[in-house]
């Protein structure tokens, strides 16, 4: 269960009235929040994340590479990539939520090197 440990915060700050809630602006930007103020600072499992940006068009800096390459279709992953994709989340990993949150899509895209992609984009 996710909770705050206000006693630990009061002890660390040397102030019996100190809590995660009234020190959130200071505590939530430090490592202390990961262990003692999970609820107040939003570090409660289960985490979810999604890509913020996806490159949908060729970028200027890589344009020559994109124009002169053969693109390949994706396929279901096998081996380690499949195992990584099927790995379940672990709610106990509060210190690395971005590495163990619920995934909204695959972490890795596996390519089929025998099948070329022939769409414009």
N, C-alpha and C. Protein backbone atom coordinates (compact mmCIF):
# COMPACT_ATOMS: atom_id res chain seq x y z
N UNK A 1 0.84 -1.18 0.00
CA UNK A 1 0.00 0.00 0.00
C UNK A 1 0.88 1.24 0.00
N UNK A 2 0.48 2.22 -0.72
CA UNK A 2 1.25 3.45 -0.85
C UNK A 2 0.87 4.43 0.25
N UNK A 3 1.88 4.97 0.90
CA UNK A 3 1.60 5.94 1.97
C UNK A 3 2.80 6.85 2.17
N UNK A 4 2.61 7.87 2.99
CA UNK A 4 3.69 8.77 3.37
C UNK A 4 4.20 8.39 4.76
N UNK A 5 5.46 8.61 4.99
CA UNK A 5 6.06 8.34 6.29
C UNK A 5 6.44 9.68 6.93
N UNK A 6 5.42 10.33 7.44
CA UNK A 6 5.61 11.66 8.02
C UNK A 6 6.55 11.66 9.22
N UNK A 7 6.59 10.54 9.96
CA UNK A 7 7.49 10.46 11.12
C UNK A 7 8.94 10.57 10.66
N UNK A 8 9.26 9.93 9.55
CA UNK A 8 10.63 9.99 9.02
C UNK A 8 10.96 11.41 8.56
N UNK A 9 10.00 12.08 7.94
CA UNK A 9 10.22 13.47 7.49
C UNK A 9 10.42 14.37 8.70
N UNK A 10 9.59 14.20 9.74
CA UNK A 10 9.72 15.01 10.95
C UNK A 10 11.09 14.80 11.59
N UNK A 11 11.55 13.55 11.58
CA UNK A 11 12.86 13.23 12.15
C UNK A 11 13.99 13.84 11.32
N UNK A 12 13.90 13.72 10.00
CA UNK A 12 14.95 14.26 9.12
C UNK A 12 15.03 15.78 9.18
N UNK A 13 13.89 16.44 9.32
CA UNK A 13 13.86 17.90 9.34
C UNK A 13 14.02 18.46 10.75
N UNK A 14 13.97 17.58 11.76
CA UNK A 14 14.11 18.04 13.14
C UNK A 14 12.94 18.91 13.58
N UNK A 15 11.77 18.67 12.99
CA UNK A 15 10.58 19.45 13.29
C UNK A 15 9.40 18.48 13.42
N UNK A 16 8.83 18.35 14.62
CA UNK A 16 7.75 17.38 14.82
C UNK A 16 6.48 17.69 14.02
N UNK A 17 6.36 18.89 13.50
CA UNK A 17 5.17 19.24 12.72
C UNK A 17 5.39 19.08 11.21
N UNK A 18 6.59 18.72 10.81
CA UNK A 18 6.91 18.56 9.38
C UNK A 18 6.22 17.32 8.83
N UNK A 19 5.56 17.48 7.70
CA UNK A 19 4.91 16.36 7.01
C UNK A 19 5.22 16.45 5.52
N UNK A 20 4.94 15.37 4.83
CA UNK A 20 5.14 15.37 3.38
C UNK A 20 4.24 16.41 2.73
N UNK A 21 3.03 16.52 3.20
CA UNK A 21 2.07 17.44 2.60
C UNK A 21 2.51 18.90 2.72
N UNK A 22 2.97 19.30 3.92
CA UNK A 22 3.32 20.72 4.06
C UNK A 22 4.73 21.05 3.58
N UNK A 23 5.51 20.04 3.21
CA UNK A 23 6.85 20.28 2.65
C UNK A 23 6.95 19.76 1.21
N UNK A 24 5.81 19.51 0.58
CA UNK A 24 5.80 18.89 -0.75
C UNK A 24 6.65 19.64 -1.77
N UNK A 25 6.59 20.95 -1.77
CA UNK A 25 7.34 21.74 -2.76
C UNK A 25 8.84 21.53 -2.64
N UNK A 26 9.30 21.24 -1.44
CA UNK A 26 10.74 21.02 -1.21
C UNK A 26 11.09 19.55 -1.32
N UNK A 27 10.30 18.70 -0.71
CA UNK A 27 10.62 17.28 -0.59
C UNK A 27 10.44 16.53 -1.91
N UNK A 28 9.43 16.86 -2.67
CA UNK A 28 9.09 16.09 -3.88
C UNK A 28 10.12 16.18 -4.99
N UNK A 29 11.07 17.09 -4.90
CA UNK A 29 12.12 17.21 -5.92
C UNK A 29 13.42 16.57 -5.46
N UNK A 30 13.37 15.83 -4.35
CA UNK A 30 14.56 15.17 -3.82
C UNK A 30 14.36 13.67 -3.76
N UNK A 31 15.43 12.96 -3.49
CA UNK A 31 15.38 11.50 -3.36
C UNK A 31 14.54 11.08 -2.16
N UNK A 32 14.43 11.94 -1.17
CA UNK A 32 13.64 11.66 0.03
C UNK A 32 12.22 11.27 -0.35
N UNK A 33 11.68 11.89 -1.39
CA UNK A 33 10.30 11.64 -1.80
C UNK A 33 10.08 10.19 -2.23
N UNK A 34 11.08 9.58 -2.86
CA UNK A 34 10.92 8.21 -3.34
C UNK A 34 10.66 7.21 -2.22
N UNK A 35 11.24 7.46 -1.09
CA UNK A 35 11.10 6.51 0.01
C UNK A 35 10.11 6.94 1.08
N UNK A 36 9.98 8.24 1.32
CA UNK A 36 9.17 8.69 2.45
C UNK A 36 7.87 9.39 2.07
N UNK A 37 7.76 9.94 0.90
CA UNK A 37 6.58 10.73 0.52
C UNK A 37 5.98 10.24 -0.79
N UNK A 38 5.84 8.95 -0.94
CA UNK A 38 5.37 8.38 -2.20
C UNK A 38 3.96 8.86 -2.55
N UNK A 39 3.07 8.91 -1.58
CA UNK A 39 1.68 9.29 -1.85
C UNK A 39 1.57 10.76 -2.24
N UNK A 40 2.16 11.64 -1.45
CA UNK A 40 2.08 13.07 -1.70
C UNK A 40 2.75 13.45 -3.02
N UNK A 41 3.87 12.83 -3.32
CA UNK A 41 4.65 13.22 -4.49
C UNK A 41 4.31 12.43 -5.76
N UNK A 42 3.35 11.52 -5.69
CA UNK A 42 2.91 10.81 -6.89
C UNK A 42 3.79 9.67 -7.31
N UNK A 43 4.45 9.01 -6.36
CA UNK A 43 5.30 7.87 -6.70
C UNK A 43 4.66 6.55 -6.30
N UNK A 44 3.35 6.50 -6.30
CA UNK A 44 2.65 5.27 -5.94
C UNK A 44 2.52 4.35 -7.15
N UNK A 45 2.82 3.08 -6.98
CA UNK A 45 2.57 2.14 -8.07
C UNK A 45 1.07 2.02 -8.29
N UNK A 46 0.55 1.61 -9.33
CA UNK A 46 1.23 1.17 -10.52
C UNK A 46 1.41 2.36 -11.43
N UNK A 47 2.57 2.45 -12.01
CA UNK A 47 2.91 3.56 -12.87
C UNK A 47 2.47 3.27 -14.29
N UNK A 48 2.14 4.28 -15.00
CA UNK A 48 1.88 4.14 -16.43
C UNK A 48 2.67 5.21 -17.16
N UNK A 49 3.04 4.91 -18.33
CA UNK A 49 3.75 5.91 -19.13
C UNK A 49 3.49 5.64 -20.59
N UNK A 50 3.66 6.64 -21.38
CA UNK A 50 3.53 6.51 -22.81
C UNK A 50 4.51 7.47 -23.47
N UNK A 51 4.82 7.20 -24.69
CA UNK A 51 5.72 8.08 -25.42
C UNK A 51 5.11 9.46 -25.53
N UNK A 52 5.90 10.47 -25.30
CA UNK A 52 5.42 11.84 -25.43
C UNK A 52 5.41 12.28 -26.89
N UNK A 53 6.45 11.93 -27.61
CA UNK A 53 6.56 12.34 -29.01
C UNK A 53 6.98 11.15 -29.85
N UNK A 54 6.41 11.07 -31.01
CA UNK A 54 6.83 10.05 -31.95
C UNK A 54 7.22 10.77 -33.23
N UNK A 55 8.34 10.39 -33.78
CA UNK A 55 8.77 11.02 -35.01
C UNK A 55 7.95 10.43 -36.15
N UNK A 56 7.07 11.23 -36.71
CA UNK A 56 6.17 10.72 -37.74
C UNK A 56 6.67 11.01 -39.15
N UNK A 57 7.63 11.88 -39.26
CA UNK A 57 8.17 12.22 -40.58
C UNK A 57 9.70 12.25 -40.49
N UNK A 58 10.36 12.15 -41.62
CA UNK A 58 11.82 12.22 -41.59
C UNK A 58 12.30 13.56 -41.02
N UNK A 59 13.37 13.51 -40.27
CA UNK A 59 13.94 14.72 -39.70
C UNK A 59 15.03 15.25 -40.64
N UNK A 60 15.24 16.54 -40.62
CA UNK A 60 16.21 17.17 -41.52
C UNK A 60 17.61 16.61 -41.31
N UNK A 61 17.99 16.36 -40.08
CA UNK A 61 19.34 15.91 -39.81
C UNK A 61 19.60 14.49 -40.29
N UNK A 62 18.57 13.70 -40.43
CA UNK A 62 18.76 12.32 -40.88
C UNK A 62 18.14 12.08 -42.25
N UNK A 63 17.76 13.14 -42.92
CA UNK A 63 17.08 12.99 -44.20
C UNK A 63 17.87 12.13 -45.21
N UNK A 64 19.16 12.36 -45.41
CA UNK A 64 19.86 11.50 -46.38
C UNK A 64 19.79 10.02 -46.02
N UNK A 65 19.87 9.70 -44.75
CA UNK A 65 19.79 8.31 -44.33
C UNK A 65 18.40 7.73 -44.57
N UNK A 66 17.39 8.52 -44.32
CA UNK A 66 16.02 8.05 -44.49
C UNK A 66 15.69 7.87 -45.97
N UNK A 67 16.13 8.78 -46.79
CA UNK A 67 15.81 8.73 -48.21
C UNK A 67 16.48 7.53 -48.87
N UNK A 68 17.69 7.21 -48.46
CA UNK A 68 18.46 6.18 -49.14
C UNK A 68 18.51 4.86 -48.38
N UNK A 69 17.51 4.56 -47.63
CA UNK A 69 17.52 3.28 -46.92
C UNK A 69 16.28 2.48 -47.26
N UNK A 70 16.36 1.19 -47.06
CA UNK A 70 15.20 0.32 -47.26
C UNK A 70 14.57 0.09 -45.90
N UNK A 71 13.31 0.42 -45.77
CA UNK A 71 12.60 0.21 -44.52
C UNK A 71 11.99 -1.18 -44.51
N UNK A 72 11.87 -1.73 -43.30
CA UNK A 72 11.34 -3.07 -43.17
C UNK A 72 10.13 -3.08 -42.25
N UNK A 73 9.24 -4.02 -42.47
CA UNK A 73 8.03 -4.14 -41.66
C UNK A 73 8.38 -4.70 -40.28
N UNK A 74 7.46 -4.50 -39.34
CA UNK A 74 7.66 -5.06 -38.00
C UNK A 74 7.06 -6.45 -37.93
N UNK A 75 7.50 -7.20 -36.93
CA UNK A 75 6.98 -8.55 -36.70
C UNK A 75 6.97 -8.80 -35.19
N UNK A 76 6.30 -9.84 -34.76
CA UNK A 76 6.30 -10.16 -33.32
C UNK A 76 7.73 -10.47 -32.86
N UNK A 77 8.08 -9.99 -31.69
CA UNK A 77 9.42 -10.18 -31.17
C UNK A 77 9.62 -11.62 -30.67
N UNK A 78 10.87 -12.06 -30.68
CA UNK A 78 11.24 -13.39 -30.16
C UNK A 78 12.43 -13.22 -29.23
N UNK A 79 12.73 -14.27 -28.49
CA UNK A 79 13.90 -14.27 -27.61
C UNK A 79 13.80 -13.24 -26.49
N UNK A 80 14.92 -12.55 -26.23
CA UNK A 80 14.98 -11.60 -25.13
C UNK A 80 13.98 -10.46 -25.32
N UNK A 81 13.82 -9.98 -26.53
CA UNK A 81 12.88 -8.88 -26.78
C UNK A 81 11.45 -9.31 -26.44
N UNK A 82 11.09 -10.55 -26.74
CA UNK A 82 9.76 -11.06 -26.40
C UNK A 82 9.61 -11.15 -24.89
N UNK A 83 10.65 -11.67 -24.22
CA UNK A 83 10.61 -11.79 -22.76
C UNK A 83 10.48 -10.42 -22.10
N UNK A 84 11.22 -9.44 -22.61
CA UNK A 84 11.16 -8.09 -22.07
C UNK A 84 9.77 -7.48 -22.26
N UNK A 85 9.17 -7.72 -23.40
CA UNK A 85 7.85 -7.20 -23.68
C UNK A 85 6.76 -7.84 -22.82
N UNK A 86 6.97 -9.09 -22.44
CA UNK A 86 5.97 -9.81 -21.64
C UNK A 86 6.21 -9.69 -20.14
N UNK A 87 7.31 -9.07 -19.74
CA UNK A 87 7.64 -8.97 -18.33
C UNK A 87 6.58 -8.17 -17.58
N UNK A 88 6.17 -8.68 -16.44
CA UNK A 88 5.14 -8.01 -15.64
C UNK A 88 5.77 -6.89 -14.82
N UNK A 89 4.95 -5.94 -14.43
CA UNK A 89 5.45 -4.83 -13.63
C UNK A 89 5.64 -5.26 -12.18
N UNK A 90 6.49 -4.55 -11.47
CA UNK A 90 6.78 -4.84 -10.07
C UNK A 90 6.49 -3.58 -9.26
N UNK A 91 5.42 -3.59 -8.51
CA UNK A 91 4.99 -2.42 -7.75
C UNK A 91 6.00 -2.00 -6.69
N UNK A 92 6.91 -2.89 -6.32
CA UNK A 92 7.89 -2.57 -5.28
C UNK A 92 9.02 -1.68 -5.78
N UNK A 93 9.15 -1.51 -7.07
CA UNK A 93 10.24 -0.70 -7.62
C UNK A 93 9.86 0.77 -7.68
N UNK A 94 9.78 1.39 -6.52
CA UNK A 94 9.37 2.80 -6.47
C UNK A 94 10.48 3.74 -6.91
N UNK A 95 11.72 3.28 -6.92
CA UNK A 95 12.82 4.16 -7.27
C UNK A 95 13.04 4.25 -8.78
N UNK A 96 12.45 3.36 -9.54
CA UNK A 96 12.61 3.41 -10.99
C UNK A 96 11.26 3.22 -11.69
N UNK A 97 10.32 4.12 -11.46
CA UNK A 97 8.99 3.92 -12.04
C UNK A 97 8.97 3.95 -13.56
N UNK A 98 9.84 4.72 -14.15
CA UNK A 98 9.81 4.78 -15.61
C UNK A 98 10.32 3.50 -16.24
N UNK A 99 11.05 2.70 -15.49
CA UNK A 99 11.54 1.44 -16.03
C UNK A 99 10.57 0.30 -15.78
N UNK A 100 9.59 0.51 -14.91
CA UNK A 100 8.72 -0.59 -14.56
C UNK A 100 7.25 -0.19 -14.50
N UNK A 101 6.84 0.74 -15.30
CA UNK A 101 5.43 1.13 -15.32
C UNK A 101 4.65 0.30 -16.32
N UNK A 102 3.33 0.40 -16.26
CA UNK A 102 2.49 -0.29 -17.24
C UNK A 102 2.76 0.32 -18.61
N UNK A 103 2.90 -0.52 -19.58
CA UNK A 103 3.23 -0.04 -20.92
C UNK A 103 1.98 0.10 -21.76
N UNK A 104 1.91 1.19 -22.49
CA UNK A 104 0.77 1.39 -23.38
C UNK A 104 1.07 0.89 -24.79
N UNK A 105 2.33 0.61 -25.07
CA UNK A 105 2.70 -0.03 -26.32
C UNK A 105 4.01 -0.77 -26.09
N UNK A 106 4.53 -1.39 -27.14
CA UNK A 106 5.74 -2.20 -26.99
C UNK A 106 6.96 -1.33 -26.72
N UNK A 107 7.87 -1.86 -25.89
CA UNK A 107 9.12 -1.16 -25.63
C UNK A 107 10.02 -1.21 -26.85
N UNK A 108 10.00 -2.32 -27.52
CA UNK A 108 10.87 -2.52 -28.67
C UNK A 108 10.02 -2.86 -29.88
N UNK A 109 10.44 -2.40 -31.02
CA UNK A 109 9.82 -2.77 -32.28
C UNK A 109 10.77 -3.73 -32.99
N UNK A 110 10.32 -4.93 -33.22
CA UNK A 110 11.16 -5.93 -33.89
C UNK A 110 10.88 -5.89 -35.38
N UNK A 111 11.94 -5.89 -36.15
CA UNK A 111 11.77 -5.75 -37.59
C UNK A 111 11.91 -7.10 -38.29
N UNK A 112 11.21 -7.20 -39.40
CA UNK A 112 11.27 -8.39 -40.24
C UNK A 112 12.20 -8.06 -41.40
N UNK A 113 13.41 -8.56 -41.35
CA UNK A 113 14.41 -8.22 -42.35
C UNK A 113 14.15 -8.83 -43.73
N UNK A 114 13.14 -9.70 -43.80
CA UNK A 114 12.80 -10.31 -45.09
C UNK A 114 11.60 -9.64 -45.75
N UNK A 115 11.04 -8.62 -45.12
CA UNK A 115 9.83 -8.00 -45.64
C UNK A 115 10.01 -6.48 -45.69
N UNK A 116 10.10 -5.95 -46.89
CA UNK A 116 10.32 -4.52 -47.05
C UNK A 116 9.03 -3.73 -46.93
N UNK A 117 9.15 -2.56 -46.37
CA UNK A 117 8.03 -1.63 -46.19
C UNK A 117 8.02 -0.71 -47.38
N UNK A 118 6.91 -0.63 -48.11
CA UNK A 118 6.92 0.16 -49.33
C UNK A 118 5.96 1.34 -49.32
N UNK A 119 5.45 1.72 -48.19
CA UNK A 119 4.57 2.88 -48.07
C UNK A 119 5.40 4.16 -48.16
N UNK A 120 4.74 5.28 -48.51
CA UNK A 120 5.47 6.55 -48.60
C UNK A 120 6.05 7.00 -47.27
N UNK A 121 5.25 6.91 -46.22
CA UNK A 121 5.72 7.38 -44.91
C UNK A 121 5.75 6.22 -43.98
